[in-house]
Amino acid sequence: MSDELVFYTTPMSRGRIVRWMLEEVGTPYRTEIMEFGPSMKQAEYRAINPLGKVPALRHGDAVVTETAAICAYLADAFPEAGLAPPSGSRARGPYYRWLFFGAGPVEAAVTNRTLGVTVPDDPRMRGMVGYGSLEAVLDALEGAVGASEYLAGGTFSAADLYVGAHLAWGMAFGTIEKRPAYEAYTARLTGRPAAVRAREIDDALLAGPA
């Protein structure tokens, strides 16, 4: 099988994060647009992602799902793009920390708040919830993005891309409160040429044929 990159997405989904990552990597890829509904649930696509959701990535015979995992995979598969600290570097610690903080506590806390899920005010119950509270998550994130220009090793990485995309999306749609540290951080990231290209591609797909 060839080493072709095939990106399964729909333009109004978490696939927008992966699109940005692919544009940062700069390696040619083919996009397969999936429609929400039955097409994502057909056996052919379930062989790619059994959950029948996007995004997903196929790279030769490797298949990766879950947005943060795709970002981490692409950073390692294409090290020349410089989107992850070098293997063995101590900067790998904060890189992994904040990439998966975004995929775990941030995603879970924001989703629960948006759906109206309230954690009971009971220490036994709170101990079962990995993120504790949305306020604690947002405070930790504010401290991280406000402490330095980037999250790991002083240079832009997949961790910034993933966390920054969540912050930008959340602030735009009101699921994450606007804070000066968040706004300054996302402004540094979303103006990157690859981020602009990715938005233009997906926005054009949303608009449909000219």
C-alpha atoms as a PDB file:
ATOM      1  CA  MET A   1       0.000   0.000   0.000  1.00  0.00           C
ATOM      2  CA  SER A   2       1.215   3.498  -0.764  1.00  0.00           C
ATOM      3  CA  ASP A   3       2.031   6.044   1.920  1.00  0.00           C
ATOM      4  CA  GLU A   4      -0.812   8.296   0.760  1.00  0.00           C
ATOM      5  CA  LEU A   5      -2.405  10.443   3.436  1.00  0.00           C
ATOM      6  CA  VAL A   6      -6.203  10.242   3.350  1.00  0.00           C
ATOM      7  CA  PHE A   7      -8.155  12.596   5.584  1.00  0.00           C
ATOM      8  CA  TYR A   8     -11.786  11.785   6.430  1.00  0.00           C
ATOM      9  CA  THR A   9     -13.713  14.807   7.626  1.00  0.00           C
ATOM     10  CA  THR A  10     -16.644  17.115   7.325  1.00  0.00           C
ATOM     11  CA  PRO A  11     -16.024  20.863   7.307  1.00  0.00           C
ATOM     12  CA  MET A  12     -17.960  21.688  10.487  1.00  0.00           C
ATOM     13  CA  SER A  13     -16.386  19.255  12.911  1.00  0.00           C
ATOM     14  CA  ARG A  14     -13.257  18.576  14.927  1.00  0.00           C
ATOM     15  CA  GLY A  15     -11.791  17.752  11.545  1.00  0.00           C
ATOM     16  CA  ARG A  16     -10.995  21.445  11.265  1.00  0.00           C
ATOM     17  CA  ILE A  17      -8.257  20.904  13.842  1.00  0.00           C
ATOM     18  CA  VAL A  18      -6.757  18.063  11.817  1.00  0.00           C
ATOM     19  CA  ARG A  19      -7.003  20.127   8.634  1.00  0.00           C
ATOM     20  CA  TRP A  20      -4.918  22.812  10.322  1.00  0.00           C
ATOM     21  CA  MET A  21      -2.403  20.182  11.432  1.00  0.00           C
ATOM     22  CA  LEU A  22      -2.141  18.771   7.910  1.00  0.00           C
ATOM     23  CA  GLU A  23      -1.554  22.241   6.511  1.00  0.00           C
ATOM     24  CA  GLU A  24       1.209  22.797   9.075  1.00  0.00           C
ATOM     25  CA  VAL A  25       2.818  19.471   8.100  1.00  0.00           C
ATOM     26  CA  GLY A  26       2.783  20.521   4.449  1.00  0.00           C
ATOM     27  CA  THR A  27       2.685  17.009   2.947  1.00  0.00           C
ATOM     28  CA  PRO A  28       0.103  16.410   0.184  1.00  0.00           C
ATOM     29  CA  TYR A  29      -3.051  14.651   1.362  1.00  0.00           C
ATOM     30  CA  ARG A  30      -6.387  13.590  -0.086  1.00  0.00           C
ATOM     31  CA  THR A  31      -9.630  14.617   1.568  1.00  0.00           C
ATOM     32  CA  GLU A  32     -12.680  12.368   1.762  1.00  0.00           C
ATOM     33  CA  ILE A  33     -15.716  14.428   2.739  1.00  0.00           C
ATOM     34  CA  MET A  34     -18.158  12.453   4.854  1.00  0.00           C
ATOM     35  CA  GLU A  35     -21.738  13.573   5.331  1.00  0.00           C
ATOM     36  CA  PHE A  36     -23.260  13.439   8.801  1.00  0.00           C
ATOM     37  CA  GLY A  37     -25.749  10.609   9.029  1.00  0.00           C
ATOM     38  CA  PRO A  38     -25.931   7.288   7.185  1.00  0.00           C
ATOM     39  CA  SER A  39     -22.760   7.674   5.105  1.00  0.00           C
ATOM     40  CA  MET A  40     -20.627   7.763   8.261  1.00  0.00           C
ATOM     41  CA  LYS A  41     -22.326   4.618   9.559  1.00  0.00           C
ATOM     42  CA  GLN A  42     -21.818   2.429   6.510  1.00  0.00           C
ATOM     43  CA  ALA A  43     -19.591  -0.627   6.789  1.00  0.00           C
ATOM     44  CA  GLU A  44     -16.928   0.816   4.487  1.00  0.00           C
ATOM     45  CA  TYR A  45     -16.302   3.784   6.752  1.00  0.00           C
ATOM     46  CA  ARG A  46     -16.783   1.812   9.978  1.00  0.00           C
ATOM     47  CA  ALA A  47     -13.740  -0.178   8.861  1.00  0.00           C
ATOM     48  CA  ILE A  48     -11.862   3.118   9.270  1.00  0.00           C
ATOM     49  CA  ASN A  49     -13.616   4.297  12.437  1.00  0.00           C
ATOM     50  CA  PRO A  50     -15.970   1.834  14.141  1.00  0.00           C
ATOM     51  CA  LEU A  51     -17.729   4.742  15.859  1.00  0.00           C
ATOM     52  CA  GLY A  52     -18.726   6.174  12.497  1.00  0.00           C
ATOM     53  CA  LYS A  53     -17.370   9.619  13.332  1.00  0.00           C
ATOM     54  CA  VAL A  54     -14.846  12.075  11.925  1.00  0.00           C
ATOM     55  CA  PRO A  55     -12.054  12.972  11.796  1.00  0.00           C
ATOM     56  CA  ALA A  56      -9.971   9.982  10.834  1.00  0.00           C
ATOM     57  CA  LEU A  57      -6.676   9.600   9.016  1.00  0.00           C
ATOM     58  CA  ARG A  58      -5.238   6.801   6.920  1.00  0.00           C
ATOM     59  CA  HIS A  59      -1.510   6.869   6.221  1.00  0.00           C
ATOM     60  CA  GLY A  60      -0.588   3.876   4.137  1.00  0.00           C
ATOM     61  CA  ASP A  61      -1.774   0.927   6.227  1.00  0.00           C
ATOM     62  CA  ALA A  62      -1.932   2.943   9.474  1.00  0.00           C
ATOM     63  CA  VAL A  63      -5.329   4.243  10.584  1.00  0.00           C
ATOM     64  CA  VAL A  64      -5.622   6.863  13.319  1.00  0.00           C
ATOM     65  CA  THR A  65      -8.764   8.276  14.906  1.00  0.00           C
ATOM     66  CA  GLU A  66      -9.273  10.771  17.759  1.00  0.00           C
ATOM     67  CA  THR A  67      -8.201  14.300  17.017  1.00  0.00           C
ATOM     68  CA  ALA A  68      -5.375  14.609  19.545  1.00  0.00           C
ATOM     69  CA  ALA A  69      -4.005  11.212  18.516  1.00  0.00           C
ATOM     70  CA  ILE A  70      -4.002  12.274  14.859  1.00  0.00           C
ATOM     71  CA  CYS A  71      -2.126  15.460  15.722  1.00  0.00           C
ATOM     72  CA  ALA A  72       0.449  13.535  17.770  1.00  0.00           C
ATOM     73  CA  TYR A  73       0.830  10.932  15.021  1.00  0.00           C
ATOM     74  CA  LEU A  74       1.387  13.515  12.295  1.00  0.00           C
ATOM     75  CA  ALA A  75       3.947  15.383  14.405  1.00  0.00           C
ATOM     76  CA  ASP A  76       5.944  12.184  14.837  1.00  0.00           C
ATOM     77  CA  ALA A  77       5.440  10.873  11.298  1.00  0.00           C
ATOM     78  CA  PHE A  78       6.728  14.120   9.789  1.00  0.00           C
ATOM     79  CA  PRO A  79       9.424  15.363  12.195  1.00  0.00           C
ATOM     80  CA  GLU A  80      10.793  17.733   9.562  1.00  0.00           C
ATOM     81  CA  ALA A  81       7.730  19.929  10.176  1.00  0.00           C
ATOM     82  CA  GLY A  82       9.005  20.644  13.711  1.00  0.00           C
ATOM     83  CA  LEU A  83       5.605  20.204  15.360  1.00  0.00           C
ATOM     84  CA  ALA A  84       6.843  18.226  18.368  1.00  0.00           C
ATOM     85  CA  PRO A  85       9.912  18.539  20.597  1.00  0.00           C
ATOM     86  CA  PRO A  86      12.641  16.062  19.653  1.00  0.00           C
ATOM     87  CA  SER A  87      12.330  12.557  21.068  1.00  0.00           C
ATOM     88  CA  GLY A  88      14.119  12.431  24.410  1.00  0.00           C
ATOM     89  CA  SER A  89      13.855  16.167  24.947  1.00  0.00           C
ATOM     90  CA  ARG A  90      12.546  17.283  28.342  1.00  0.00           C
ATOM     91  CA  ALA A  91      10.143  19.525  26.430  1.00  0.00           C
ATOM     92  CA  ARG A  92       8.273  16.312  25.584  1.00  0.00           C
ATOM     93  CA  GLY A  93       6.893  16.433  29.128  1.00  0.00           C
ATOM     94  CA  PRO A  94       4.885  19.656  28.808  1.00  0.00           C
ATOM     95  CA  TYR A  95       4.129  18.791  25.179  1.00  0.00           C
ATOM     96  CA  TYR A  96       2.340  15.573  26.130  1.00  0.00           C
ATOM     97  CA  ARG A  97       0.909  17.124  29.259  1.00  0.00           C
ATOM     98  CA  TRP A  98      -0.942  19.960  27.564  1.00  0.00           C
ATOM     99  CA  LEU A  99      -1.867  18.074  24.392  1.00  0.00           C
ATOM    100  CA  PHE A 100      -3.715  15.477  26.446  1.00  0.00           C
ATOM    101  CA  PHE A 101      -4.945  18.005  28.993  1.00  0.00           C
ATOM    102  CA  GLY A 102      -6.813  19.496  26.059  1.00  0.00           C
ATOM    103  CA  ALA A 103      -8.098  16.104  24.914  1.00  0.00           C
ATOM    104  CA  GLY A 104      -9.097  15.032  28.430  1.00  0.00           C
ATOM    105  CA  PRO A 105     -10.029  17.609  31.087  1.00  0.00           C
ATOM    106  CA  VAL A 106     -10.764  20.516  28.731  1.00  0.00           C
ATOM    107  CA  GLU A 107     -12.922  18.503  26.341  1.00  0.00           C
ATOM    108  CA  ALA A 108     -14.810  16.704  29.121  1.00  0.00           C
ATOM    109  CA  ALA A 109     -15.370  19.732  31.345  1.00  0.00           C
ATOM    110  CA  VAL A 110     -16.539  22.011  28.549  1.00  0.00           C
ATOM    111  CA  THR A 111     -18.813  19.347  27.049  1.00  0.00           C
ATOM    112  CA  ASN A 112     -20.411  18.572  30.394  1.00  0.00           C
ATOM    113  CA  ARG A 113     -21.054  22.231  31.128  1.00  0.00           C
ATOM    114  CA  THR A 114     -22.533  22.750  27.652  1.00  0.00           C
ATOM    115  CA  LEU A 115     -24.867  19.760  28.138  1.00  0.00           C
ATOM    116  CA  GLY A 116     -25.897  20.940  31.590  1.00  0.00           C
ATOM    117  CA  VAL A 117     -24.203  18.054  33.386  1.00  0.00           C
ATOM    118  CA  THR A 118     -23.473  19.104  36.958  1.00  0.00           C
ATOM    119  CA  VAL A 119     -21.092  17.204  39.199  1.00  0.00           C
ATOM    120  CA  PRO A 120     -22.741  16.757  42.632  1.00  0.00           C
ATOM    121  CA  ASP A 121     -21.168  18.795  45.413  1.00  0.00           C
ATOM    122  CA  ASP A 122     -19.999  15.670  47.172  1.00  0.00           C
ATOM    123  CA  PRO A 123     -16.291  14.882  47.661  1.00  0.00           C
ATOM    124  CA  ARG A 124     -16.906  11.224  46.832  1.00  0.00           C
ATOM    125  CA  MET A 125     -18.546  12.138  43.543  1.00  0.00           C
ATOM    126  CA  ARG A 126     -16.023  14.845  42.649  1.00  0.00           C
ATOM    127  CA  GLY A 127     -13.238  12.344  43.187  1.00  0.00           C
ATOM    128  CA  MET A 128     -14.710  10.255  40.354  1.00  0.00           C
ATOM    129  CA  VAL A 129     -14.515  13.184  37.905  1.00  0.00           C
ATOM    130  CA  GLY A 130     -11.004  13.450  36.538  1.00  0.00           C
ATOM    131  CA  TYR A 131     -11.145  17.160  35.767  1.00  0.00           C
ATOM    132  CA  GLY A 132     -12.626  18.228  39.114  1.00  0.00           C
ATOM    133  CA  SER A 133     -14.435  21.341  37.889  1.00  0.00           C
ATOM    134  CA  LEU A 134     -14.569  23.497  34.785  1.00  0.00           C
ATOM    135  CA  GLU A 135     -13.261  26.454  36.776  1.00  0.00           C
ATOM    136  CA  ALA A 136     -10.188  24.517  37.890  1.00  0.00           C
ATOM    137  CA  VAL A 137      -9.532  23.375  34.331  1.00  0.00           C
ATOM    138  CA  LEU A 138      -9.820  26.880  32.900  1.00  0.00           C
ATOM    139  CA  ASP A 139      -7.618  28.347  35.626  1.00  0.00           C
ATOM    140  CA  ALA A 140      -4.911  25.740  34.972  1.00  0.00           C
ATOM    141  CA  LEU A 141      -5.082  26.424  31.261  1.00  0.00           C
ATOM    142  CA  GLU A 142      -4.914  30.176  31.812  1.00  0.00           C
ATOM    143  CA  GLY A 143      -1.764  29.713  33.851  1.00  0.00           C
ATOM    144  CA  ALA A 144      -0.179  27.602  31.126  1.00  0.00           C
ATOM    145  CA  VAL A 145      -0.923  29.810  28.132  1.00  0.00           C
ATOM    146  CA  GLY A 146      -0.141  32.988  30.038  1.00  0.00           C
ATOM    147  CA  ALA A 147       3.231  31.811  31.303  1.00  0.00           C
ATOM    148  CA  SER A 148       5.039  31.724  27.963  1.00  0.00           C
ATOM    149  CA  GLU A 149       4.456  32.216  24.269  1.00  0.00           C
ATOM    150  CA  TYR A 150       4.049  28.486  23.604  1.00  0.00           C
ATOM    151  CA  LEU A 151       3.306  25.446  25.738  1.00  0.00           C
ATOM    152  CA  ALA A 152       6.397  23.296  25.155  1.00  0.00           C
ATOM    153  CA  GLY A 153      10.018  24.191  24.570  1.00  0.00           C
ATOM    154  CA  GLY A 154       9.446  27.788  23.512  1.00  0.00           C
ATOM    155  CA  THR A 155       8.285  26.920  19.981  1.00  0.00           C
ATOM    156  CA  PHE A 156       4.922  26.235  18.363  1.00  0.00           C
ATOM    157  CA  SER A 157       3.882  22.584  18.504  1.00  0.00           C
ATOM    158  CA  ALA A 158       0.924  20.284  17.962  1.00  0.00           C
ATOM    159  CA  ALA A 159       0.018  20.892  21.612  1.00  0.00           C
ATOM    160  CA  ASP A 160      -0.471  24.606  20.886  1.00  0.00           C
ATOM    161  CA  LEU A 161      -2.459  23.812  17.771  1.00  0.00           C
ATOM    162  CA  TYR A 162      -4.812  21.459  19.594  1.00  0.00           C
ATOM    163  CA  VAL A 163      -5.278  23.564  22.726  1.00  0.00           C
ATOM    164  CA  GLY A 164      -5.464  26.812  20.759  1.00  0.00           C
ATOM    165  CA  ALA A 165      -8.122  25.421  18.430  1.00  0.00           C
ATOM    166  CA  HIS A 166     -10.284  24.408  21.388  1.00  0.00           C
ATOM    167  CA  LEU A 167      -9.895  27.795  23.020  1.00  0.00           C
ATOM    168  CA  ALA A 168     -10.649  29.711  19.819  1.00  0.00           C
ATOM    169  CA  TRP A 169     -13.693  27.561  19.076  1.00  0.00           C
ATOM    170  CA  GLY A 170     -14.973  27.715  22.651  1.00  0.00           C
ATOM    171  CA  MET A 171     -14.639  31.482  22.923  1.00  0.00           C
ATOM    172  CA  ALA A 172     -16.293  31.984  19.520  1.00  0.00           C
ATOM    173  CA  PHE A 173     -19.320  29.889  20.500  1.00  0.00           C
ATOM    174  CA  GLY A 174     -19.530  30.874  24.141  1.00  0.00           C
ATOM    175  CA  THR A 175     -18.642  27.526  25.680  1.00  0.00           C
ATOM    176  CA  ILE A 176     -15.374  28.899  27.089  1.00  0.00           C
ATOM    177  CA  GLU A 177     -15.286  32.306  28.745  1.00  0.00           C
ATOM    178  CA  LYS A 178     -13.054  34.914  27.183  1.00  0.00           C
ATOM    179  CA  ARG A 179      -9.972  35.738  29.205  1.00  0.00           C
ATOM    180  CA  PRO A 180      -7.158  38.084  28.155  1.00  0.00           C
ATOM    181  CA  ALA A 181      -4.558  35.301  28.331  1.00  0.00           C
ATOM    182  CA  TYR A 182      -6.681  33.082  26.082  1.00  0.00           C
ATOM    183  CA  GLU A 183      -7.282  35.852  23.567  1.00  0.00           C
ATOM    184  CA  ALA A 184      -3.607  36.797  23.358  1.00  0.00           C
ATOM    185  CA  TYR A 185      -2.595  33.145  22.975  1.00  0.00           C
ATOM    186  CA  THR A 186      -5.106  32.261  20.265  1.00  0.00           C
ATOM    187  CA  ALA A 187      -4.316  35.464  18.362  1.00  0.00           C
ATOM    188  CA  ARG A 188      -0.702  34.274  18.049  1.00  0.00           C
ATOM    189  CA  LEU A 189      -1.826  30.913  16.691  1.00  0.00           C
ATOM    190  CA  THR A 190      -4.824  31.475  14.446  1.00  0.00           C
ATOM    191  CA  GLY A 191      -2.986  33.978  12.254  1.00  0.00           C
ATOM    192  CA  ARG A 192      -0.420  31.390  11.203  1.00  0.00           C
ATOM    193  CA  PRO A 193      -0.449  30.859   7.408  1.00  0.00           C
ATOM    194  CA  ALA A 194      -1.379  27.183   7.774  1.00  0.00           C
ATOM    195  CA  ALA A 195      -4.270  28.052  10.095  1.00  0.00           C
ATOM    196  CA  VAL A 196      -5.566  30.622   7.618  1.00  0.00           C
ATOM    197  CA  ARG A 197      -5.298  28.145   4.713  1.00  0.00           C
ATOM    198  CA  ALA A 198      -7.113  25.461   6.681  1.00  0.00           C
ATOM    199  CA  ARG A 199      -9.996  27.796   7.574  1.00  0.00           C
ATOM    200  CA  GLU A 200     -10.311  28.947   3.983  1.00  0.00           C
ATOM    201  CA  ILE A 201     -10.494  25.348   2.718  1.00  0.00           C
ATOM    202  CA  ASP A 202     -13.162  24.275   5.203  1.00  0.00           C
ATOM    203  CA  ASP A 203     -15.149  27.496   4.901  1.00  0.00           C
ATOM    204  CA  ALA A 204     -15.243  27.065   1.119  1.00  0.00           C
ATOM    205  CA  LEU A 205     -16.518  23.506   1.587  1.00  0.00           C
ATOM    206  CA  LEU A 206     -19.241  24.794   3.910  1.00  0.00           C
ATOM    207  CA  ALA A 207     -20.252  27.420   1.383  1.00  0.00           C
ATOM    208  CA  GLY A 208     -20.679  24.779  -1.325  1.00  0.00           C
ATOM    209  CA  PRO A 209     -20.153  25.198  -5.085  1.00  0.00           C
ATOM    210  CA  ALA A 210     -19.565  28.764  -6.238  1.00  0.00           C
END
